[in-house]
C-alpha atoms as a PDB file:
ATOM      1  CA  MET A   1     -10.717  83.876 -10.616  1.00  0.00           C
ATOM      2  CA  ILE A   2     -13.420  81.339  -9.873  1.00  0.00           C
ATOM      3  CA  SER A   3     -14.009  77.979 -11.477  1.00  0.00           C
ATOM      4  CA  LYS A   4     -16.281  78.080 -14.515  1.00  0.00           C
ATOM      5  CA  TRP A   5     -17.592  74.580 -13.738  1.00  0.00           C
ATOM      6  CA  LYS A   6     -20.821  74.247 -11.787  1.00  0.00           C
ATOM      7  CA  PRO A   7     -21.582  71.246  -9.556  1.00  0.00           C
ATOM      8  CA  GLY A   8     -23.412  68.516 -11.444  1.00  0.00           C
ATOM      9  CA  THR A   9     -21.865  69.362 -14.853  1.00  0.00           C
ATOM     10  CA  ARG A  10     -20.770  66.299 -16.847  1.00  0.00           C
ATOM     11  CA  VAL A  11     -17.201  66.699 -18.058  1.00  0.00           C
ATOM     12  CA  GLN A  12     -14.459  64.835 -19.866  1.00  0.00           C
ATOM     13  CA  VAL A  13     -10.810  65.030 -18.820  1.00  0.00           C
ATOM     14  CA  ASN A  14      -8.715  66.693 -21.535  1.00  0.00           C
ATOM     15  CA  THR A  15      -5.114  65.933 -20.534  1.00  0.00           C
ATOM     16  CA  PRO A  16      -3.280  64.513 -23.581  1.00  0.00           C
ATOM     17  CA  ASP A  17      -0.005  64.608 -21.629  1.00  0.00           C
ATOM     18  CA  GLU A  18      -1.554  62.201 -19.071  1.00  0.00           C
ATOM     19  CA  PRO A  19      -2.884  59.330 -21.202  1.00  0.00           C
ATOM     20  CA  ASP A  20      -3.913  57.258 -18.169  1.00  0.00           C
ATOM     21  CA  ILE A  21      -6.816  59.617 -17.426  1.00  0.00           C
ATOM     22  CA  HIS A  22      -7.279  61.490 -20.726  1.00  0.00           C
ATOM     23  CA  GLY A  23     -10.839  61.012 -21.943  1.00  0.00           C
ATOM     24  CA  TRP A  24     -12.271  59.861 -18.620  1.00  0.00           C
ATOM     25  CA  LEU A  25     -15.765  61.099 -17.796  1.00  0.00           C
ATOM     26  CA  GLY A  26     -17.082  62.417 -14.522  1.00  0.00           C
ATOM     27  CA  THR A  27     -19.325  64.856 -12.693  1.00  0.00           C
ATOM     28  CA  VAL A  28     -18.192  68.117 -11.098  1.00  0.00           C
ATOM     29  CA  GLU A  29     -18.766  67.990  -7.352  1.00  0.00           C
ATOM     30  CA  PRO A  30     -19.486  70.918  -5.039  1.00  0.00           C
ATOM     31  CA  VAL A  31     -16.363  72.096  -3.206  1.00  0.00           C
ATOM     32  CA  ASN A  32     -15.492  75.346  -1.440  1.00  0.00           C
ATOM     33  CA  TYR A  33     -12.192  75.990  -3.204  1.00  0.00           C
ATOM     34  CA  ALA A  34     -13.895  75.918  -6.627  1.00  0.00           C
ATOM     35  CA  GLU A  35     -15.466  79.221  -5.615  1.00  0.00           C
ATOM     36  CA  ARG A  36     -12.023  80.807  -5.345  1.00  0.00           C
ATOM     37  CA  LEU A  37      -9.748  78.999  -7.828  1.00  0.00           C
ATOM     38  CA  PRO A  38      -9.901  78.239 -11.564  1.00  0.00           C
ATOM     39  CA  ALA A  39     -10.000  74.567 -10.551  1.00  0.00           C
ATOM     40  CA  THR A  40     -12.481  72.056  -9.234  1.00  0.00           C
ATOM     41  CA  SER A  41     -12.976  68.459  -8.167  1.00  0.00           C
ATOM     42  CA  VAL A  42     -14.554  65.802 -10.376  1.00  0.00           C
ATOM     43  CA  LEU A  43     -16.027  62.475  -9.330  1.00  0.00           C
ATOM     44  CA  LEU A  44     -14.656  60.270 -12.112  1.00  0.00           C
ATOM     45  CA  ASP A  45     -16.863  57.429 -13.358  1.00  0.00           C
ATOM     46  CA  GLN A  46     -13.850  55.088 -13.405  1.00  0.00           C
ATOM     47  CA  ASP A  47     -12.775  55.834  -9.824  1.00  0.00           C
ATOM     48  CA  ALA A  48     -13.620  52.790  -7.718  1.00  0.00           C
ATOM     49  CA  PHE A  49     -13.322  54.842  -4.518  1.00  0.00           C
ATOM     50  CA  GLN A  50     -15.491  57.711  -5.814  1.00  0.00           C
ATOM     51  CA  MET A  51     -13.120  60.320  -4.449  1.00  0.00           C
ATOM     52  CA  GLY A  52     -12.905  63.624  -6.270  1.00  0.00           C
ATOM     53  CA  ALA A  53      -9.924  64.300  -8.502  1.00  0.00           C
ATOM     54  CA  PHE A  54      -8.497  67.842  -8.784  1.00  0.00           C
ATOM     55  CA  PHE A  55      -8.432  69.488 -12.219  1.00  0.00           C
ATOM     56  CA  TYR A  56      -7.803  72.985 -13.515  1.00  0.00           C
ATOM     57  CA  ASP A  57     -10.639  74.433 -15.602  1.00  0.00           C
ATOM     58  CA  GLU A  58      -8.690  74.110 -18.872  1.00  0.00           C
ATOM     59  CA  GLU A  59      -8.199  70.370 -18.248  1.00  0.00           C
ATOM     60  CA  LEU A  60     -11.939  69.698 -18.557  1.00  0.00           C
ATOM     61  CA  GLU A  61     -14.502  69.951 -21.336  1.00  0.00           C
ATOM     62  CA  GLU A  62     -18.265  69.669 -21.049  1.00  0.00           C
ATOM     63  CA  VAL A  63     -20.082  66.645 -22.423  1.00  0.00           C
ATOM     64  CA  ALA A  64     -23.776  65.917 -22.849  1.00  0.00           C
ATOM     65  CA  ALA A  65     -25.326  64.324 -19.785  1.00  0.00           C
END
């Protein structure tokens, strides 16, 4: 199964069980494994280092750009 998220999509983290990052916003980045797994990497707006964070598809929801 491949990731449903396309690079450049604006998303919000939907992880109520992880309140430290729940609700954070970011942009899906292009990665090779997203073509093969139901997961992807997101550049979070709040990440000072601008390194992608790994999320499964169901942990993200689309937001307006």
